[in-house]
Amino acid sequence: MTVINRGHMKSQKTIQKYFAAMLSSLALFAASVSAQAVDQSTPDGLIKTVVSDVMASVKSDPEIQKGNIPRIVELVEKKILPYADMRRTTEMAMGPNWKKATPEQQVQLVNEFKSLLIRTYSGALSQLRDQTIQFKPLRAAPDDKEVVVRTVVIGRGDPIPLDYRLEKTSNGWKVYDMNIMGVWLVEAYRNQFANQISQNGVDGLVKFLQDRNKQLAATKPAN
């Protein structure tokens, strides 16, 4: 699947690797939730709490390292989604077309897009075993409702800037978008979603996502 199309074209494999690292870092910070209370009172507190202790958990879980999809999906459902706003992520990826979808279609789109992200990038969990995270100072006013928490992933290769966009809700801070090397996640899918809707309507996009998820579900992850 072609994820984005930019002036300075990168290969699909490179783009997938970068977004895999991005999604994986979100997935990785769930593993420490059961061990300690997550601090949702500040945006950087949320990110730091869940990221800092996760590496040891990943190293100790051979099934995640192997790319076990059911295990990863279970992890995401139980530990990640409480700290992410997938509805807003999907709405932003849809852009103006979001209002064209019925409430039922919106629910379908959120669920299918969530599954697509999990399945497309699940294999990257094993790639973060030897990496560490550096946290940049938070630049935000105390009354800000939306902020960006900036981090850098340090591994064997070049450092990878990885930023999280969060919103303050009645239930604490929530992650709704991520940026790696200058590309936001929702931006990466916006044109693709718009093209599908232009050609086949909202139902066509739902079917496209469903079909893609079926293809990914039938593909065995590489160990």
N, C-alpha and C. Protein backbone atom coordinates (compact mmCIF):
# COMPACT_ATOMS: atom_id res chain seq x y z
N MET A 1 0.85 -1.18 0.00
CA MET A 1 0.00 0.00 0.00
C MET A 1 0.88 1.23 0.00
N THR A 2 0.62 2.16 -0.91
CA THR A 2 1.37 3.40 -0.93
C THR A 2 0.84 4.29 0.16
N VAL A 3 1.72 4.71 1.05
CA VAL A 3 1.28 5.48 2.21
C VAL A 3 1.21 6.95 1.90
N ILE A 4 2.25 7.54 1.31
CA ILE A 4 2.22 8.94 0.99
C ILE A 4 2.93 9.17 -0.32
N ASN A 5 2.73 10.35 -0.88
CA ASN A 5 3.39 10.74 -2.12
C ASN A 5 3.90 12.14 -1.94
N ARG A 6 5.22 12.32 -1.83
CA ARG A 6 5.83 13.62 -1.55
C ARG A 6 6.81 13.97 -2.63
N GLY A 7 7.22 15.28 -2.64
CA GLY A 7 8.14 15.74 -3.66
C GLY A 7 9.44 14.98 -3.64
N HIS A 8 10.02 14.85 -2.46
CA HIS A 8 11.24 14.05 -2.32
C HIS A 8 10.80 12.64 -1.99
N MET A 9 10.63 11.83 -3.00
CA MET A 9 10.03 10.49 -2.82
C MET A 9 10.98 9.58 -2.07
N LYS A 10 10.42 8.90 -1.07
CA LYS A 10 11.14 7.83 -0.40
C LYS A 10 10.47 6.54 -0.80
N SER A 11 11.17 5.45 -0.71
CA SER A 11 10.58 4.17 -1.07
C SER A 11 9.50 3.80 -0.08
N GLN A 12 8.56 2.96 -0.52
CA GLN A 12 7.49 2.51 0.36
C GLN A 12 8.06 1.82 1.58
N LYS A 13 9.12 1.05 1.40
CA LYS A 13 9.71 0.32 2.51
C LYS A 13 10.27 1.28 3.57
N THR A 14 10.91 2.37 3.11
CA THR A 14 11.48 3.34 4.04
C THR A 14 10.38 4.05 4.81
N ILE A 15 9.33 4.48 4.10
CA ILE A 15 8.21 5.15 4.76
C ILE A 15 7.57 4.22 5.77
N GLN A 16 7.36 2.97 5.38
CA GLN A 16 6.74 2.02 6.29
C GLN A 16 7.61 1.81 7.53
N LYS A 17 8.93 1.77 7.33
CA LYS A 17 9.84 1.58 8.46
C LYS A 17 9.72 2.75 9.43
N TYR A 18 9.68 3.98 8.90
CA TYR A 18 9.60 5.15 9.77
C TYR A 18 8.28 5.19 10.53
N PHE A 19 7.17 4.94 9.82
CA PHE A 19 5.89 4.97 10.50
C PHE A 19 5.73 3.77 11.41
N ALA A 20 6.40 2.68 11.09
CA ALA A 20 6.39 1.53 11.98
C ALA A 20 7.02 1.90 13.31
N ALA A 21 8.16 2.58 13.24
CA ALA A 21 8.81 3.01 14.48
C ALA A 21 7.91 3.95 15.26
N MET A 22 7.20 4.80 14.55
CA MET A 22 6.32 5.75 15.19
C MET A 22 5.16 5.06 15.90
N LEU A 23 4.46 4.18 15.17
CA LEU A 23 3.34 3.48 15.78
C LEU A 23 3.82 2.55 16.88
N SER A 24 4.97 1.93 16.66
CA SER A 24 5.48 0.99 17.65
C SER A 24 5.80 1.68 18.96
N SER A 25 6.30 2.89 18.89
CA SER A 25 6.59 3.59 20.14
C SER A 25 5.31 3.84 20.90
N LEU A 26 4.21 4.12 20.17
CA LEU A 26 2.92 4.26 20.82
C LEU A 26 2.49 2.93 21.41
N ALA A 27 2.68 1.86 20.66
CA ALA A 27 2.31 0.54 21.16
C ALA A 27 3.18 0.13 22.33
N LEU A 28 4.45 0.45 22.25
CA LEU A 28 5.37 0.04 23.29
C LEU A 28 5.06 0.68 24.64
N PHE A 29 4.56 1.91 24.62
CA PHE A 29 4.40 2.51 25.93
C PHE A 29 3.19 1.99 26.68
N ALA A 30 2.49 1.03 26.13
CA ALA A 30 1.38 0.41 26.85
C ALA A 30 1.85 -0.63 27.85
N ALA A 31 2.98 -1.25 27.59
CA ALA A 31 3.40 -2.40 28.39
C ALA A 31 3.66 -2.05 29.85
N SER A 32 3.98 -0.81 30.13
CA SER A 32 4.27 -0.44 31.50
C SER A 32 3.05 0.03 32.27
N VAL A 33 1.90 0.12 31.60
CA VAL A 33 0.72 0.66 32.25
C VAL A 33 0.31 -0.17 33.45
N SER A 34 0.37 -1.49 33.31
CA SER A 34 -0.09 -2.35 34.40
C SER A 34 0.83 -2.27 35.61
N ALA A 35 2.05 -1.81 35.43
CA ALA A 35 3.01 -1.80 36.52
C ALA A 35 2.92 -0.52 37.36
N GLN A 36 2.35 0.55 36.79
CA GLN A 36 2.30 1.79 37.54
C GLN A 36 1.18 2.66 37.00
N ALA A 37 0.73 3.59 37.83
CA ALA A 37 -0.32 4.50 37.40
C ALA A 37 0.23 5.44 36.34
N VAL A 38 -0.58 5.68 35.31
CA VAL A 38 -0.17 6.58 34.25
C VAL A 38 -0.54 8.00 34.62
N ASP A 39 0.43 8.89 34.50
CA ASP A 39 0.22 10.29 34.82
C ASP A 39 -0.37 10.99 33.61
N GLN A 40 -1.68 11.28 33.66
CA GLN A 40 -2.33 11.99 32.56
C GLN A 40 -2.57 13.45 32.88
N SER A 41 -1.99 13.93 33.97
CA SER A 41 -2.22 15.31 34.36
C SER A 41 -1.45 16.29 33.48
N THR A 42 -0.35 15.83 32.89
CA THR A 42 0.42 16.66 31.96
C THR A 42 0.73 15.84 30.72
N PRO A 43 0.86 16.49 29.57
CA PRO A 43 1.12 15.73 28.34
C PRO A 43 2.46 15.03 28.34
N ASP A 44 3.50 15.71 28.80
CA ASP A 44 4.81 15.06 28.83
C ASP A 44 4.86 14.01 29.94
N GLY A 45 4.07 14.21 31.00
CA GLY A 45 3.99 13.20 32.05
C GLY A 45 3.40 11.90 31.52
N LEU A 46 2.37 12.02 30.68
CA LEU A 46 1.77 10.84 30.09
C LEU A 46 2.78 10.09 29.23
N ILE A 47 3.43 10.81 28.34
CA ILE A 47 4.38 10.16 27.42
C ILE A 47 5.55 9.56 28.19
N LYS A 48 6.11 10.32 29.12
CA LYS A 48 7.27 9.83 29.87
C LYS A 48 6.93 8.59 30.70
N THR A 49 5.78 8.62 31.35
CA THR A 49 5.42 7.51 32.22
C THR A 49 5.33 6.21 31.45
N VAL A 50 4.66 6.25 30.32
CA VAL A 50 4.42 5.00 29.60
C VAL A 50 5.59 4.57 28.74
N VAL A 51 6.42 5.52 28.30
CA VAL A 51 7.55 5.16 27.43
C VAL A 51 8.73 4.64 28.24
N SER A 52 9.00 5.26 29.38
CA SER A 52 10.25 5.04 30.09
C SER A 52 10.50 3.59 30.51
N ASP A 53 9.45 2.90 30.91
CA ASP A 53 9.62 1.55 31.45
C ASP A 53 9.28 0.43 30.47
N VAL A 54 9.00 0.79 29.23
CA VAL A 54 8.44 -0.22 28.34
C VAL A 54 9.48 -1.15 27.72
N MET A 55 10.70 -0.67 27.55
CA MET A 55 11.70 -1.46 26.84
C MET A 55 11.93 -2.83 27.51
N ALA A 56 11.99 -2.84 28.83
CA ALA A 56 12.20 -4.11 29.53
C ALA A 56 11.04 -5.07 29.29
N SER A 57 9.83 -4.52 29.23
CA SER A 57 8.66 -5.37 29.00
C SER A 57 8.69 -6.00 27.61
N VAL A 58 9.12 -5.24 26.64
CA VAL A 58 9.19 -5.76 25.27
C VAL A 58 10.27 -6.84 25.17
N LYS A 59 11.39 -6.59 25.81
CA LYS A 59 12.48 -7.57 25.78
C LYS A 59 12.06 -8.89 26.41
N SER A 60 11.14 -8.83 27.36
CA SER A 60 10.74 -10.04 28.07
C SER A 60 9.55 -10.74 27.43
N ASP A 61 9.04 -10.20 26.33
CA ASP A 61 7.87 -10.78 25.68
C ASP A 61 8.25 -11.33 24.31
N PRO A 62 8.58 -12.60 24.21
CA PRO A 62 9.02 -13.18 22.94
C PRO A 62 7.94 -13.19 21.88
N GLU A 63 6.67 -13.23 22.28
CA GLU A 63 5.59 -13.26 21.31
C GLU A 63 5.46 -11.92 20.58
N ILE A 64 5.60 -10.83 21.30
CA ILE A 64 5.59 -9.51 20.66
C ILE A 64 6.81 -9.37 19.75
N GLN A 65 7.93 -9.85 20.20
CA GLN A 65 9.15 -9.78 19.39
C GLN A 65 9.00 -10.56 18.09
N LYS A 66 8.20 -11.62 18.11
CA LYS A 66 7.97 -12.42 16.91
C LYS A 66 6.91 -11.80 15.99
N GLY A 67 6.24 -10.75 16.47
CA GLY A 67 5.20 -10.13 15.68
C GLY A 67 3.88 -10.86 15.76
N ASN A 68 3.59 -11.46 16.91
CA ASN A 68 2.34 -12.18 17.11
C ASN A 68 1.18 -11.19 17.07
N ILE A 69 0.40 -11.22 15.95
CA ILE A 69 -0.64 -10.22 15.73
C ILE A 69 -1.72 -10.25 16.81
N PRO A 70 -2.30 -11.41 17.13
CA PRO A 70 -3.33 -11.41 18.18
C PRO A 70 -2.82 -10.86 19.51
N ARG A 71 -1.57 -11.17 19.83
CA ARG A 71 -0.99 -10.67 21.09
C ARG A 71 -0.85 -9.15 21.04
N ILE A 72 -0.41 -8.63 19.90
CA ILE A 72 -0.24 -7.19 19.76
C ILE A 72 -1.59 -6.48 19.77
N VAL A 73 -2.57 -7.05 19.07
CA VAL A 73 -3.90 -6.46 19.05
C VAL A 73 -4.48 -6.41 20.46
N GLU A 74 -4.31 -7.48 21.21
CA GLU A 74 -4.79 -7.52 22.58
C GLU A 74 -4.12 -6.44 23.43
N LEU A 75 -2.81 -6.29 23.23
CA LEU A 75 -2.07 -5.27 23.95
C LEU A 75 -2.59 -3.88 23.65
N VAL A 76 -2.81 -3.62 22.38
CA VAL A 76 -3.30 -2.30 21.96
C VAL A 76 -4.68 -2.02 22.52
N GLU A 77 -5.57 -3.00 22.40
CA GLU A 77 -6.95 -2.81 22.85
C GLU A 77 -7.02 -2.51 24.34
N LYS A 78 -6.22 -3.22 25.14
CA LYS A 78 -6.30 -3.09 26.59
C LYS A 78 -5.46 -1.95 27.15
N LYS A 79 -4.34 -1.67 26.52
CA LYS A 79 -3.37 -0.78 27.15
C LYS A 79 -3.13 0.54 26.43
N ILE A 80 -3.39 0.60 25.12
CA ILE A 80 -3.07 1.81 24.37
C ILE A 80 -4.27 2.70 24.16
N LEU A 81 -5.37 2.10 23.74
CA LEU A 81 -6.53 2.90 23.34
C LEU A 81 -7.04 3.84 24.43
N PRO A 82 -6.92 3.49 25.73
CA PRO A 82 -7.35 4.46 26.74
C PRO A 82 -6.57 5.77 26.69
N TYR A 83 -5.41 5.78 26.06
CA TYR A 83 -4.56 6.97 26.03
C TYR A 83 -4.43 7.54 24.63
N ALA A 84 -5.29 7.09 23.72
CA ALA A 84 -5.28 7.60 22.35
C ALA A 84 -6.71 7.96 21.95
N ASP A 85 -6.83 8.92 21.05
CA ASP A 85 -8.14 9.34 20.53
C ASP A 85 -8.21 8.95 19.06
N MET A 86 -8.56 7.69 18.80
CA MET A 86 -8.60 7.20 17.43
C MET A 86 -9.72 7.86 16.62
N ARG A 87 -10.76 8.29 17.27
CA ARG A 87 -11.84 8.97 16.54
C ARG A 87 -11.32 10.27 15.94
N ARG A 88 -10.59 11.03 16.74
CA ARG A 88 -10.07 12.29 16.20
C ARG A 88 -8.99 12.02 15.15
N THR A 89 -8.18 11.00 15.36
CA THR A 89 -7.17 10.63 14.36
C THR A 89 -7.84 10.33 13.02
N THR A 90 -8.91 9.55 13.06
CA THR A 90 -9.62 9.20 11.83
C THR A 90 -10.30 10.42 11.23
N GLU A 91 -10.89 11.24 12.05
CA GLU A 91 -11.55 12.45 11.57
C GLU A 91 -10.57 13.37 10.84
N MET A 92 -9.38 13.50 11.40
CA MET A 92 -8.37 14.35 10.77
C MET A 92 -7.88 13.75 9.46
N ALA A 93 -7.74 12.44 9.43
CA ALA A 93 -7.31 11.78 8.19
C ALA A 93 -8.38 11.90 7.11
N MET A 94 -9.64 11.96 7.51
CA MET A 94 -10.75 12.12 6.56
C MET A 94 -10.88 13.56 6.08
N GLY A 95 -10.51 14.51 6.91
CA GLY A 95 -10.66 15.91 6.53
C GLY A 95 -12.13 16.28 6.37
N PRO A 96 -12.46 17.14 5.40
CA PRO A 96 -13.86 17.55 5.20
C PRO A 96 -14.81 16.39 4.91
N ASN A 97 -14.26 15.28 4.41
CA ASN A 97 -15.11 14.14 4.09
C ASN A 97 -15.72 13.48 5.33
N TRP A 98 -15.19 13.77 6.51
CA TRP A 98 -15.72 13.18 7.73
C TRP A 98 -17.20 13.51 7.90
N LYS A 99 -17.59 14.72 7.52
CA LYS A 99 -18.98 15.13 7.68
C LYS A 99 -19.91 14.44 6.69
N LYS A 100 -19.34 13.85 5.65
CA LYS A 100 -20.16 13.12 4.68
C LYS A 100 -20.55 11.74 5.19
N ALA A 101 -19.85 11.26 6.20
CA ALA A 101 -20.10 9.92 6.72
C ALA A 101 -21.22 9.95 7.74
N THR A 102 -22.05 8.93 7.72
CA THR A 102 -23.10 8.79 8.73
C THR A 102 -22.45 8.37 10.05
N PRO A 103 -23.17 8.49 11.15
CA PRO A 103 -22.60 8.02 12.43
C PRO A 103 -22.16 6.57 12.38
N GLU A 104 -22.94 5.73 11.69
CA GLU A 104 -22.56 4.31 11.56
C GLU A 104 -21.29 4.16 10.75
N GLN A 105 -21.17 4.91 9.67
CA GLN A 105 -19.96 4.86 8.86
C GLN A 105 -18.75 5.37 9.63
N GLN A 106 -18.95 6.39 10.44
CA GLN A 106 -17.84 6.92 11.24
C GLN A 106 -17.30 5.88 12.19
N VAL A 107 -18.20 5.13 12.82
CA VAL A 107 -17.77 4.06 13.72
C VAL A 107 -16.99 3.00 12.95
N GLN A 108 -17.48 2.64 11.78
CA GLN A 108 -16.77 1.66 10.95
C GLN A 108 -15.40 2.16 10.56
N LEU A 109 -15.32 3.41 10.16
CA LEU A 109 -14.05 3.98 9.72
C LEU A 109 -13.02 4.00 10.85
N VAL A 110 -13.46 4.39 12.05
CA VAL A 110 -12.55 4.42 13.20
C VAL A 110 -12.02 3.02 13.48
N ASN A 111 -12.91 2.04 13.49
CA ASN A 111 -12.49 0.67 13.81
C ASN A 111 -11.56 0.09 12.74
N GLU A 112 -11.89 0.33 11.47
CA GLU A 112 -11.07 -0.22 10.40
C GLU A 112 -9.72 0.48 10.31
N PHE A 113 -9.70 1.78 10.51
CA PHE A 113 -8.43 2.52 10.46
C PHE A 113 -7.54 2.09 11.61
N LYS A 114 -8.13 1.91 12.78
CA LYS A 114 -7.37 1.42 13.94
C LYS A 114 -6.74 0.07 13.62
N SER A 115 -7.54 -0.83 13.06
CA SER A 115 -7.02 -2.16 12.72
C SER A 115 -5.92 -2.07 11.67
N LEU A 116 -6.11 -1.18 10.71
CA LEU A 116 -5.09 -1.01 9.66
C LEU A 116 -3.76 -0.59 10.25
N LEU A 117 -3.78 0.38 11.14
CA LEU A 117 -2.53 0.86 11.74
C LEU A 117 -1.87 -0.24 12.56
N ILE A 118 -2.67 -0.96 13.34
CA ILE A 118 -2.11 -2.02 14.17
C ILE A 118 -1.46 -3.10 13.32
N ARG A 119 -2.19 -3.55 12.30
CA ARG A 119 -1.70 -4.68 11.49
C ARG A 119 -0.56 -4.28 10.55
N THR A 120 -0.61 -3.06 10.01
CA THR A 120 0.42 -2.65 9.07
C THR A 120 1.78 -2.54 9.74
N TYR A 121 1.78 -2.04 10.97
CA TYR A 121 3.05 -1.71 11.61
C TYR A 121 3.39 -2.55 12.84
N SER A 122 2.64 -3.61 13.06
CA SER A 122 2.85 -4.41 14.27
C SER A 122 4.23 -5.05 14.32
N GLY A 123 4.76 -5.42 13.17
CA GLY A 123 6.05 -6.10 13.14
C GLY A 123 7.20 -5.26 13.66
N ALA A 124 7.01 -3.95 13.73
CA ALA A 124 8.10 -3.08 14.16
C ALA A 124 8.33 -3.10 15.67
N LEU A 125 7.45 -3.74 16.42
CA LEU A 125 7.65 -3.81 17.86
C LEU A 125 9.00 -4.41 18.21
N SER A 126 9.40 -5.44 17.46
CA SER A 126 10.66 -6.10 17.76
C SER A 126 11.86 -5.21 17.45
N GLN A 127 11.66 -4.18 16.63
CA GLN A 127 12.77 -3.33 16.22
C GLN A 127 13.20 -2.36 17.32
N LEU A 128 12.37 -2.18 18.32
CA LEU A 128 12.67 -1.18 19.34
C LEU A 128 13.35 -1.75 20.58
N ARG A 129 13.75 -3.00 20.54
CA ARG A 129 14.33 -3.62 21.73
C ARG A 129 15.63 -2.95 22.17
N ASP A 130 16.40 -2.47 21.22
CA ASP A 130 17.72 -1.90 21.55
C ASP A 130 17.73 -0.39 21.46
N GLN A 131 16.56 0.23 21.42
CA GLN A 131 16.49 1.67 21.29
C GLN A 131 16.12 2.34 22.61
N THR A 132 16.49 3.59 22.71
CA THR A 132 16.14 4.39 23.88
C THR A 132 15.44 5.66 23.40
N ILE A 133 14.77 6.34 24.32
CA ILE A 133 14.01 7.54 23.99
C ILE A 133 14.56 8.74 24.76
N GLN A 134 14.85 9.81 24.04
CA GLN A 134 15.22 11.07 24.66
C GLN A 134 14.01 12.01 24.62
N PHE A 135 13.73 12.66 25.73
CA PHE A 135 12.58 13.56 25.81
C PHE A 135 13.06 15.01 25.74
N LYS A 136 12.47 15.76 24.84
CA LYS A 136 12.79 17.17 24.71
C LYS A 136 11.96 17.98 25.71
N PRO A 137 12.47 19.14 26.15
CA PRO A 137 11.69 19.98 27.07
C PRO A 137 10.35 20.38 26.44
N LEU A 138 9.30 20.33 27.24
CA LEU A 138 7.97 20.68 26.74
C LEU A 138 7.85 22.19 26.60
N ARG A 139 7.42 22.61 25.42
CA ARG A 139 7.21 24.03 25.16
C ARG A 139 5.71 24.27 25.06
N ALA A 140 5.11 24.63 26.18
CA ALA A 140 3.67 24.83 26.21
C ALA A 140 3.31 25.69 27.41
N ALA A 141 2.23 26.45 27.25
CA ALA A 141 1.71 27.24 28.36
C ALA A 141 0.83 26.36 29.24
N PRO A 142 0.70 26.69 30.53
CA PRO A 142 -0.09 25.86 31.45
C PRO A 142 -1.54 25.67 31.01
N ASP A 143 -2.10 26.64 30.29
CA ASP A 143 -3.51 26.55 29.90
C ASP A 143 -3.71 26.03 28.48
N ASP A 144 -2.66 25.57 27.81
CA ASP A 144 -2.79 25.03 26.46
C ASP A 144 -3.64 23.76 26.49
N LYS A 145 -4.50 23.62 25.50
CA LYS A 145 -5.35 22.44 25.38
C LYS A 145 -4.79 21.44 24.36
N GLU A 146 -3.90 21.89 23.51
CA GLU A 146 -3.26 21.01 22.54
C GLU A 146 -1.76 21.32 22.53
N VAL A 147 -0.95 20.26 22.60
CA VAL A 147 0.50 20.44 22.66
C VAL A 147 1.19 19.36 21.85
N VAL A 148 2.48 19.57 21.62
CA VAL A 148 3.31 18.57 20.97
C VAL A 148 4.43 18.19 21.93
N VAL A 149 4.54 16.90 22.22
CA VAL A 149 5.64 16.38 23.04
C VAL A 149 6.68 15.81 22.07
N ARG A 150 7.89 16.34 22.16
CA ARG A 150 8.93 15.96 21.22
C ARG A 150 9.91 14.98 21.85
N THR A 151 10.23 13.94 21.11
CA THR A 151 11.20 12.95 21.56
C THR A 151 12.14 12.61 20.41
N VAL A 152 13.18 11.88 20.74
CA VAL A 152 14.11 11.37 19.74
C VAL A 152 14.38 9.91 20.05
N VAL A 153 14.22 9.05 19.04
CA VAL A 153 14.49 7.63 19.20
C VAL A 153 15.96 7.39 18.85
N ILE A 154 16.71 6.86 19.81
CA ILE A 154 18.14 6.61 19.63
C ILE A 154 18.37 5.12 19.47
N GLY A 155 18.96 4.73 18.36
CA GLY A 155 19.25 3.32 18.11
C GLY A 155 20.58 3.16 17.41
N ARG A 156 20.68 2.11 16.62
CA ARG A 156 21.94 1.84 15.92
C ARG A 156 22.18 2.79 14.77
N GLY A 157 21.10 3.25 14.14
CA GLY A 157 21.23 4.17 13.02
C GLY A 157 21.16 5.62 13.48
N ASP A 158 20.80 6.48 12.55
CA ASP A 158 20.66 7.89 12.87
C ASP A 158 19.50 8.11 13.84
N PRO A 159 19.60 9.08 14.73
CA PRO A 159 18.48 9.40 15.63
C PRO A 159 17.24 9.78 14.82
N ILE A 160 16.07 9.35 15.29
CA ILE A 160 14.82 9.61 14.59
C ILE A 160 13.94 10.52 15.43
N PRO A 161 13.70 11.76 14.98
CA PRO A 161 12.77 12.63 15.70
C PRO A 161 11.37 12.03 15.66
N LEU A 162 10.72 12.00 16.82
CA LEU A 162 9.39 11.41 16.94
C LEU A 162 8.55 12.27 17.88
N ASP A 163 7.53 12.89 17.33
CA ASP A 163 6.71 13.83 18.11
C ASP A 163 5.29 13.31 18.26
N TYR A 164 4.68 13.65 19.38
CA TYR A 164 3.31 13.26 19.68
C TYR A 164 2.44 14.51 19.82
N ARG A 165 1.33 14.52 19.16
CA ARG A 165 0.37 15.61 19.31
C ARG A 165 -0.74 15.14 20.24
N LEU A 166 -0.99 15.90 21.30
CA LEU A 166 -1.96 15.51 22.31
C LEU A 166 -3.00 16.61 22.52
N GLU A 167 -4.18 16.20 22.98
CA GLU A 167 -5.23 17.13 23.35
C GLU A 167 -5.63 16.87 24.79
N LYS A 168 -6.05 17.92 25.47
CA LYS A 168 -6.52 17.78 26.84
C LYS A 168 -8.02 17.55 26.83
N THR A 169 -8.44 16.43 27.38
CA THR A 169 -9.86 16.08 27.42
C THR A 169 -10.32 16.00 28.87
N SER A 170 -11.61 15.73 29.03
CA SER A 170 -12.14 15.58 30.38
C SER A 170 -11.58 14.35 31.08
N ASN A 171 -10.99 13.45 30.30
CA ASN A 171 -10.38 12.23 30.85
C ASN A 171 -8.86 12.26 30.81
N GLY A 172 -8.29 13.46 30.75
CA GLY A 172 -6.85 13.58 30.71
C GLY A 172 -6.33 13.78 29.30
N TRP A 173 -5.03 13.79 29.15
CA TRP A 173 -4.41 14.01 27.85
C TRP A 173 -4.51 12.75 26.99
N LYS A 174 -4.75 12.97 25.67
CA LYS A 174 -4.87 11.88 24.72
C LYS A 174 -3.98 12.15 23.51
N VAL A 175 -3.35 11.10 23.02
CA VAL A 175 -2.56 11.19 21.79
C VAL A 175 -3.49 11.02 20.60
N TYR A 176 -3.39 11.92 19.61
CA TYR A 176 -4.22 11.76 18.42
C TYR A 176 -3.45 11.87 17.11
N ASP A 177 -2.17 12.18 17.18
CA ASP A 177 -1.38 12.23 15.95
C ASP A 177 0.09 12.13 16.33
N MET A 178 0.88 11.63 15.39
CA MET A 178 2.32 11.51 15.62
C MET A 178 3.07 11.95 14.38
N ASN A 179 4.27 12.45 14.58
CA ASN A 179 5.08 12.99 13.50
C ASN A 179 6.45 12.35 13.52
N ILE A 180 6.89 11.88 12.37
CA ILE A 180 8.25 11.37 12.27
C ILE A 180 8.92 11.96 11.04
N MET A 181 10.06 12.59 11.29
CA MET A 181 10.84 13.20 10.22
C MET A 181 10.01 14.16 9.38
N GLY A 182 9.14 14.91 10.04
CA GLY A 182 8.40 15.97 9.36
C GLY A 182 7.08 15.55 8.75
N VAL A 183 6.67 14.29 8.91
CA VAL A 183 5.41 13.83 8.33
C VAL A 183 4.47 13.37 9.44
N TRP A 184 3.29 13.98 9.50
CA TRP A 184 2.29 13.59 10.48
C TRP A 184 1.53 12.38 9.98
N LEU A 185 1.16 11.50 10.89
CA LEU A 185 0.47 10.26 10.54
C LEU A 185 -0.80 10.51 9.75
N VAL A 186 -1.65 11.43 10.23
CA VAL A 186 -2.92 11.66 9.54
C VAL A 186 -2.68 12.25 8.15
N GLU A 187 -1.65 13.05 8.03
CA GLU A 187 -1.31 13.63 6.73
C GLU A 187 -0.93 12.54 5.73
N ALA A 188 -0.31 11.49 6.24
CA ALA A 188 0.15 10.42 5.36
C ALA A 188 -1.00 9.67 4.71
N TYR A 189 -2.17 9.67 5.35
CA TYR A 189 -3.31 8.94 4.82
C TYR A 189 -4.38 9.83 4.20
N ARG A 190 -4.29 11.13 4.37
CA ARG A 190 -5.38 12.02 3.97
C ARG A 190 -5.67 11.95 2.47
N ASN A 191 -4.65 12.03 1.63
CA ASN A 191 -4.87 12.00 0.19
C ASN A 191 -5.44 10.67 -0.26
N GLN A 192 -4.93 9.60 0.33
CA GLN A 192 -5.42 8.27 -0.03
C GLN A 192 -6.89 8.12 0.30
N PHE A 193 -7.28 8.57 1.48
CA PHE A 193 -8.68 8.50 1.88
C PHE A 193 -9.54 9.35 0.96
N ALA A 194 -9.07 10.55 0.65
CA ALA A 194 -9.83 11.46 -0.22
C ALA A 194 -10.03 10.85 -1.61
N ASN A 195 -9.01 10.20 -2.13
CA ASN A 195 -9.11 9.58 -3.45
C ASN A 195 -10.13 8.45 -3.45
N GLN A 196 -10.12 7.64 -2.40
CA GLN A 196 -11.07 6.55 -2.32
C GLN A 196 -12.50 7.07 -2.26
N ILE A 197 -12.72 8.12 -1.48
CA ILE A 197 -14.07 8.68 -1.36
C ILE A 197 -14.51 9.33 -2.67
N SER A 198 -13.57 10.00 -3.34
CA SER A 198 -13.89 10.63 -4.61
C SER A 198 -14.33 9.61 -5.65
N GLN A 199 -13.71 8.45 -5.63
CA GLN A 199 -14.00 7.43 -6.63
C GLN A 199 -15.19 6.54 -6.24
N ASN A 200 -15.29 6.22 -4.95
CA ASN A 200 -16.26 5.19 -4.53
C ASN A 200 -17.14 5.59 -3.36
N GLY A 201 -17.04 6.83 -2.90
CA GLY A 201 -17.85 7.27 -1.78
C GLY A 201 -17.32 6.76 -0.45
N VAL A 202 -18.01 7.13 0.64
CA VAL A 202 -17.57 6.72 1.97
C VAL A 202 -17.64 5.21 2.12
N ASP A 203 -18.68 4.60 1.59
CA ASP A 203 -18.78 3.14 1.66
C ASP A 203 -17.60 2.48 0.95
N GLY A 204 -17.13 3.12 -0.13
CA GLY A 204 -15.97 2.59 -0.85
C GLY A 204 -14.72 2.62 0.01
N LEU A 205 -14.55 3.68 0.80
CA LEU A 205 -13.40 3.75 1.70
C LEU A 205 -13.50 2.69 2.79
N VAL A 206 -14.69 2.51 3.33
CA VAL A 206 -14.89 1.47 4.35
C VAL A 206 -14.51 0.11 3.78
N LYS A 207 -14.97 -0.18 2.58
CA LYS A 207 -14.66 -1.47 1.95
C LYS A 207 -13.17 -1.60 1.66
N PHE A 208 -12.55 -0.52 1.22
CA PHE A 208 -11.12 -0.53 0.96
C PHE A 208 -10.35 -0.90 2.23
N LEU A 209 -10.71 -0.28 3.34
CA LEU A 209 -10.03 -0.56 4.60
C LEU A 209 -10.30 -1.99 5.06
N GLN A 210 -11.54 -2.43 4.91
CA GLN A 210 -11.88 -3.80 5.29
C GLN A 210 -11.08 -4.81 4.47
N ASP A 211 -11.01 -4.58 3.17
CA ASP A 211 -10.27 -5.50 2.29
C ASP A 211 -8.78 -5.52 2.64
N ARG A 212 -8.24 -4.34 2.92
CA ARG A 212 -6.82 -4.25 3.27
C ARG A 212 -6.54 -4.98 4.58
N ASN A 213 -7.44 -4.84 5.53
CA ASN A 213 -7.25 -5.53 6.81
C ASN A 213 -7.34 -7.04 6.65
N LYS A 214 -8.21 -7.51 5.77
CA LYS A 214 -8.31 -8.94 5.51
C LYS A 214 -7.01 -9.46 4.89
N GLN A 215 -6.45 -8.67 3.97
CA GLN A 215 -5.18 -9.06 3.36
C GLN A 215 -4.07 -9.15 4.40
N LEU A 216 -4.01 -8.15 5.27
CA LEU A 216 -2.97 -8.14 6.30
C LEU A 216 -3.17 -9.26 7.31
N ALA A 217 -4.43 -9.57 7.62
CA ALA A 217 -4.72 -10.64 8.57
C ALA A 217 -4.28 -12.00 8.02
N ALA A 218 -4.30 -12.13 6.70
CA ALA A 218 -3.93 -13.40 6.07
C ALA A 218 -2.44 -13.53 5.84
N THR A 219 -1.72 -12.46 6.09
CA THR A 219 -0.26 -12.45 5.89
C THR A 219 0.45 -12.77 7.18
N LYS A 220 1.30 -13.77 7.18
CA LYS A 220 2.05 -14.13 8.37
C LYS A 220 3.20 -13.15 8.56
N PRO A 221 3.39 -12.63 9.77
CA PRO A 221 4.49 -11.71 10.00
C PRO A 221 5.83 -12.40 9.88
N ALA A 222 6.81 -11.66 9.38
CA ALA A 222 8.16 -12.21 9.28
C ALA A 222 8.83 -12.21 10.62
N ASN A 223 9.46 -13.32 11.00
CA ASN A 223 10.15 -13.40 12.29
C ASN A 223 11.55 -12.82 12.18
